[in-house]
């Protein structure tokens, strides 16, 4: 999967969330760690180890 592209889509609000399954996590983290907007994207753990990443909206 092209995680850089998915993160860009999330940042541009073309998608609402990015789902990362446990077996994808390490590959995703390599890209996410260097992503320039990572501080504005939060992950929420789900049952089964899936993580949903969403853009943090100012309230």
PDB file of N, CA and C in Angstrom:
ATOM      1  N   UNK A   1       0.850  -1.186   0.000  1.00  0.00           N
ATOM      2  CA  UNK A   1       0.000   0.000   0.000  1.00  0.00           C
ATOM      3  C   UNK A   1       0.890   1.242   0.000  1.00  0.00           C
ATOM      4  N   UNK A   2       0.466   2.269  -0.683  1.00  0.00           N
ATOM      5  CA  UNK A   2       1.188   3.538  -0.733  1.00  0.00           C
ATOM      6  C   UNK A   2       0.717   4.410   0.437  1.00  0.00           C
ATOM      7  N   UNK A   3       1.387   4.276   1.569  1.00  0.00           N
ATOM      8  CA  UNK A   3       0.979   4.990   2.779  1.00  0.00           C
ATOM      9  C   UNK A   3       1.176   6.491   2.650  1.00  0.00           C
ATOM     10  N   UNK A   4       2.194   6.920   1.931  1.00  0.00           N
ATOM     11  CA  UNK A   4       2.416   8.352   1.721  1.00  0.00           C
ATOM     12  C   UNK A   4       1.199   8.973   1.030  1.00  0.00           C
ATOM     13  N   UNK A   5       0.727   8.312  -0.003  1.00  0.00           N
ATOM     14  CA  UNK A   5      -0.441   8.789  -0.739  1.00  0.00           C
ATOM     15  C   UNK A   5      -1.678   8.805   0.149  1.00  0.00           C
ATOM     16  N   UNK A   6      -1.857   7.765   0.945  1.00  0.00           N
ATOM     17  CA  UNK A   6      -3.017   7.696   1.842  1.00  0.00           C
ATOM     18  C   UNK A   6      -2.965   8.796   2.897  1.00  0.00           C
ATOM     19  N   UNK A   7      -1.791   9.055   3.434  1.00  0.00           N
ATOM     20  CA  UNK A   7      -1.649  10.137   4.417  1.00  0.00           C
ATOM     21  C   UNK A   7      -1.937  11.492   3.773  1.00  0.00           C
ATOM     22  N   UNK A   8      -1.475  11.682   2.542  1.00  0.00           N
ATOM     23  CA  UNK A   8      -1.769  12.925   1.830  1.00  0.00           C
ATOM     24  C   UNK A   8      -3.267  13.086   1.597  1.00  0.00           C
ATOM     25  N   UNK A   9      -3.943  11.996   1.260  1.00  0.00           N
ATOM     26  CA  UNK A   9      -5.395  12.046   1.063  1.00  0.00           C
ATOM     27  C   UNK A   9      -6.102  12.396   2.365  1.00  0.00           C
ATOM     28  N   UNK A  10      -5.617  11.842   3.469  1.00  0.00           N
ATOM     29  CA  UNK A  10      -6.191  12.162   4.781  1.00  0.00           C
ATOM     30  C   UNK A  10      -5.961  13.640   5.099  1.00  0.00           C
ATOM     31  N   UNK A  11      -4.760  14.129   4.876  1.00  0.00           N
ATOM     32  CA  UNK A  11      -4.426  15.526   5.137  1.00  0.00           C
ATOM     33  C   UNK A  11      -5.273  16.464   4.270  1.00  0.00           C
ATOM     34  N   UNK A  12      -5.497  16.090   3.013  1.00  0.00           N
ATOM     35  CA  UNK A  12      -6.296  16.905   2.089  1.00  0.00           C
ATOM     36  C   UNK A  12      -7.797  16.707   2.272  1.00  0.00           C
ATOM     37  N   UNK A  13      -8.175  15.879   3.236  1.00  0.00           N
ATOM     38  CA  UNK A  13      -9.564  15.562   3.575  1.00  0.00           C
ATOM     39  C   UNK A  13     -10.314  14.909   2.413  1.00  0.00           C
ATOM     40  N   UNK A  14      -9.598  14.163   1.615  1.00  0.00           N
ATOM     41  CA  UNK A  14     -10.225  13.381   0.547  1.00  0.00           C
ATOM     42  C   UNK A  14     -10.759  12.067   1.103  1.00  0.00           C
ATOM     43  N   UNK A  15     -10.193  11.636   2.233  1.00  0.00           N
ATOM     44  CA  UNK A  15     -10.710  10.490   2.967  1.00  0.00           C
ATOM     45  C   UNK A  15     -10.869  10.919   4.425  1.00  0.00           C
ATOM     46  N   UNK A  16     -11.787  10.259   5.143  1.00  0.00           N
ATOM     47  CA  UNK A  16     -12.065  10.622   6.540  1.00  0.00           C
ATOM     48  C   UNK A  16     -11.128   9.947   7.526  1.00  0.00           C
ATOM     49  N   UNK A  17     -10.667   8.746   7.156  1.00  0.00           N
ATOM     50  CA  UNK A  17      -9.802   7.997   8.060  1.00  0.00           C
ATOM     51  C   UNK A  17      -8.954   7.014   7.270  1.00  0.00           C
ATOM     52  N   UNK A  18      -7.909   6.564   7.920  1.00  0.00           N
ATOM     53  CA  UNK A  18      -7.012   5.582   7.338  1.00  0.00           C
ATOM     54  C   UNK A  18      -6.937   4.410   8.298  1.00  0.00           C
ATOM     55  N   UNK A  19      -7.307   3.246   7.814  1.00  0.00           N
ATOM     56  CA  UNK A  19      -7.309   2.047   8.647  1.00  0.00           C
ATOM     57  C   UNK A  19      -6.021   1.270   8.415  1.00  0.00           C
ATOM     58  N   UNK A  20      -5.309   0.995   9.504  1.00  0.00           N
ATOM     59  CA  UNK A  20      -4.064   0.242   9.435  1.00  0.00           C
ATOM     60  C   UNK A  20      -4.240  -1.032  10.246  1.00  0.00           C
ATOM     61  N   UNK A  21      -4.097  -2.161   9.581  1.00  0.00           N
ATOM     62  CA  UNK A  21      -4.240  -3.465  10.242  1.00  0.00           C
ATOM     63  C   UNK A  21      -2.927  -3.828  10.933  1.00  0.00           C
ATOM     64  N   UNK A  22      -2.993  -4.714  11.926  1.00  0.00           N
ATOM     65  CA  UNK A  22      -1.789  -5.059  12.688  1.00  0.00           C
ATOM     66  C   UNK A  22      -0.609  -5.518  11.822  1.00  0.00           C
ATOM     67  N   UNK A  23      -0.875  -6.287  10.783  1.00  0.00           N
ATOM     68  CA  UNK A  23       0.224  -6.784   9.951  1.00  0.00           C
ATOM     69  C   UNK A  23       0.820  -5.701   9.043  1.00  0.00           C
ATOM     70  N   UNK A  24       0.171  -4.549   8.938  1.00  0.00           N
ATOM     71  CA  UNK A  24       0.656  -3.434   8.132  1.00  0.00           C
ATOM     72  C   UNK A  24       1.372  -2.377   8.978  1.00  0.00           C
ATOM     73  N   UNK A  25       1.244  -2.485  10.291  1.00  0.00           N
ATOM     74  CA  UNK A  25       1.647  -1.403  11.190  1.00  0.00           C
ATOM     75  C   UNK A  25       3.111  -0.991  11.035  1.00  0.00           C
ATOM     76  N   UNK A  26       4.027  -1.930  11.003  1.00  0.00           N
ATOM     77  CA  UNK A  26       5.444  -1.583  10.946  1.00  0.00           C
ATOM     78  C   UNK A  26       5.791  -0.867   9.641  1.00  0.00           C
ATOM     79  N   UNK A  27       5.235  -1.309   8.534  1.00  0.00           N
ATOM     80  CA  UNK A  27       5.478  -0.641   7.250  1.00  0.00           C
ATOM     81  C   UNK A  27       4.879   0.764   7.259  1.00  0.00           C
ATOM     82  N   UNK A  28       3.682   0.892   7.831  1.00  0.00           N
ATOM     83  CA  UNK A  28       3.045   2.202   7.930  1.00  0.00           C
ATOM     84  C   UNK A  28       3.874   3.142   8.798  1.00  0.00           C
ATOM     85  N   UNK A  29       4.362   2.645   9.925  1.00  0.00           N
ATOM     86  CA  UNK A  29       5.123   3.484  10.861  1.00  0.00           C
ATOM     87  C   UNK A  29       6.372   4.075  10.221  1.00  0.00           C
ATOM     88  N   UNK A  30       7.017   3.339   9.333  1.00  0.00           N
ATOM     89  CA  UNK A  30       8.208   3.849   8.656  1.00  0.00           C
ATOM     90  C   UNK A  30       7.881   5.122   7.879  1.00  0.00           C
ATOM     91  N   UNK A  31       6.721   5.147   7.232  1.00  0.00           N
ATOM     92  CA  UNK A  31       6.296   6.321   6.466  1.00  0.00           C
ATOM     93  C   UNK A  31       5.760   7.397   7.402  1.00  0.00           C
ATOM     94  N   UNK A  32       4.934   7.002   8.356  1.00  0.00           N
ATOM     95  CA  UNK A  32       4.290   7.958   9.262  1.00  0.00           C
ATOM     96  C   UNK A  32       5.318   8.725  10.097  1.00  0.00           C
ATOM     97  N   UNK A  33       6.363   8.062  10.515  1.00  0.00           N
ATOM     98  CA  UNK A  33       7.397   8.676  11.347  1.00  0.00           C
ATOM     99  C   UNK A  33       8.020   9.895  10.662  1.00  0.00           C
ATOM    100  N   UNK A  34       8.083   9.873   9.338  1.00  0.00           N
ATOM    101  CA  UNK A  34       8.695  10.970   8.581  1.00  0.00           C
ATOM    102  C   UNK A  34       7.673  11.898   7.924  1.00  0.00           C
ATOM    103  N   UNK A  35       6.408  11.697   8.203  1.00  0.00           N
ATOM    104  CA  UNK A  35       5.367  12.504   7.575  1.00  0.00           C
ATOM    105  C   UNK A  35       5.318  13.886   8.223  1.00  0.00           C
ATOM    106  N   UNK A  36       5.338  14.918   7.417  1.00  0.00           N
ATOM    107  CA  UNK A  36       5.458  16.292   7.940  1.00  0.00           C
ATOM    108  C   UNK A  36       4.263  16.747   8.778  1.00  0.00           C
ATOM    109  N   UNK A  37       3.086  16.181   8.563  1.00  0.00           N
ATOM    110  CA  UNK A  37       1.885  16.608   9.295  1.00  0.00           C
ATOM    111  C   UNK A  37       1.453  15.588  10.361  1.00  0.00           C
ATOM    112  N   UNK A  38       2.365  14.729  10.761  1.00  0.00           N
ATOM    113  CA  UNK A  38       1.978  13.631  11.666  1.00  0.00           C
ATOM    114  C   UNK A  38       1.429  14.117  13.006  1.00  0.00           C
ATOM    115  N   UNK A  39       1.851  15.304  13.450  1.00  0.00           N
ATOM    116  CA  UNK A  39       1.367  15.805  14.742  1.00  0.00           C
ATOM    117  C   UNK A  39      -0.108  16.177  14.686  1.00  0.00           C
ATOM    118  N   UNK A  40      -0.664  16.289  13.483  1.00  0.00           N
ATOM    119  CA  UNK A  40      -2.080  16.635  13.343  1.00  0.00           C
ATOM    120  C   UNK A  40      -2.929  15.443  12.921  1.00  0.00           C
ATOM    121  N   UNK A  41      -2.336  14.265  13.016  1.00  0.00           N
ATOM    122  CA  UNK A  41      -3.046  13.024  12.703  1.00  0.00           C
ATOM    123  C   UNK A  41      -2.938  12.126  13.920  1.00  0.00           C
ATOM    124  N   UNK A  42      -4.058  11.629  14.378  1.00  0.00           N
ATOM    125  CA  UNK A  42      -4.088  10.784  15.571  1.00  0.00           C
ATOM    126  C   UNK A  42      -4.621   9.406  15.244  1.00  0.00           C
ATOM    127  N   UNK A  43      -4.030   8.412  15.891  1.00  0.00           N
ATOM    128  CA  UNK A  43      -4.483   7.044  15.739  1.00  0.00           C
ATOM    129  C   UNK A  43      -5.291   6.609  16.939  1.00  0.00           C
ATOM    130  N   UNK A  44      -6.327   5.841  16.675  1.00  0.00           N
ATOM    131  CA  UNK A  44      -7.176   5.311  17.744  1.00  0.00           C
ATOM    132  C   UNK A  44      -7.231   3.792  17.588  1.00  0.00           C
ATOM    133  N   UNK A  45      -6.758   3.083  18.597  1.00  0.00           N
ATOM    134  CA  UNK A  45      -6.720   1.626  18.554  1.00  0.00           C
ATOM    135  C   UNK A  45      -8.126   1.044  18.635  1.00  0.00           C
ATOM    136  N   UNK A  46      -8.345   0.020  17.846  1.00  0.00           N
ATOM    137  CA  UNK A  46      -9.615  -0.690  17.824  1.00  0.00           C
ATOM    138  C   UNK A  46      -9.380  -2.109  18.345  1.00  0.00           C
ATOM    139  N   UNK A  47     -10.449  -2.800  18.629  1.00  0.00           N
ATOM    140  CA  UNK A  47     -10.319  -4.203  19.006  1.00  0.00           C
ATOM    141  C   UNK A  47      -9.696  -4.984  17.869  1.00  0.00           C
ATOM    142  N   UNK A  48      -8.828  -5.902  18.210  1.00  0.00           N
ATOM    143  CA  UNK A  48      -8.180  -6.723  17.202  1.00  0.00           C
ATOM    144  C   UNK A  48      -6.886  -6.128  16.688  1.00  0.00           C
ATOM    145  N   UNK A  49      -6.514  -4.938  17.175  1.00  0.00           N
ATOM    146  CA  UNK A  49      -5.240  -4.341  16.818  1.00  0.00           C
ATOM    147  C   UNK A  49      -5.264  -3.382  15.648  1.00  0.00           C
ATOM    148  N   UNK A  50      -6.398  -3.213  15.007  1.00  0.00           N
ATOM    149  CA  UNK A  50      -6.507  -2.241  13.925  1.00  0.00           C
ATOM    150  C   UNK A  50      -6.444  -0.836  14.512  1.00  0.00           C
ATOM    151  N   UNK A  51      -5.799   0.080  13.788  1.00  0.00           N
ATOM    152  CA  UNK A  51      -5.718   1.467  14.232  1.00  0.00           C
ATOM    153  C   UNK A  51      -6.351   2.347  13.170  1.00  0.00           C
ATOM    154  N   UNK A  52      -7.240   3.242  13.604  1.00  0.00           N
ATOM    155  CA  UNK A  52      -7.868   4.202  12.711  1.00  0.00           C
ATOM    156  C   UNK A  52      -7.187   5.551  12.898  1.00  0.00           C
ATOM    157  N   UNK A  53      -6.593   6.057  11.838  1.00  0.00           N
ATOM    158  CA  UNK A  53      -5.937   7.359  11.873  1.00  0.00           C
ATOM    159  C   UNK A  53      -6.886   8.393  11.293  1.00  0.00           C
ATOM    160  N   UNK A  54      -7.009   9.514  12.018  1.00  0.00           N
ATOM    161  CA  UNK A  54      -7.903  10.591  11.590  1.00  0.00           C
ATOM    162  C   UNK A  54      -7.188  11.914  11.763  1.00  0.00           C
ATOM    163  N   UNK A  55      -7.597  12.881  10.955  1.00  0.00           N
ATOM    164  CA  UNK A  55      -7.065  14.235  11.046  1.00  0.00           C
ATOM    165  C   UNK A  55      -7.648  14.894  12.285  1.00  0.00           C
ATOM    166  N   UNK A  56      -6.818  15.548  13.072  1.00  0.00           N
ATOM    167  CA  UNK A  56      -7.271  16.250  14.267  1.00  0.00           C
ATOM    168  C   UNK A  56      -7.872  17.568  13.821  1.00  0.00           C
ATOM    169  N   UNK A  57      -9.129  17.779  14.158  1.00  0.00           N
ATOM    170  CA  UNK A  57      -9.832  19.004  13.790  1.00  0.00           C
ATOM    171  C   UNK A  57      -9.827  19.962  14.969  1.00  0.00           C
ATOM    172  N   UNK A  58      -9.560  21.233  14.689  1.00  0.00           N
ATOM    173  CA  UNK A  58      -9.658  22.244  15.746  1.00  0.00           C
ATOM    174  C   UNK A  58     -11.115  22.418  16.123  1.00  0.00           C
ATOM    175  N   UNK A  59     -11.371  22.462  17.409  1.00  0.00           N
ATOM    176  CA  UNK A  59     -12.761  22.578  17.867  1.00  0.00           C
ATOM    177  C   UNK A  59     -13.056  23.972  18.338  1.00  0.00           C
TER     178      UNK A  59
END
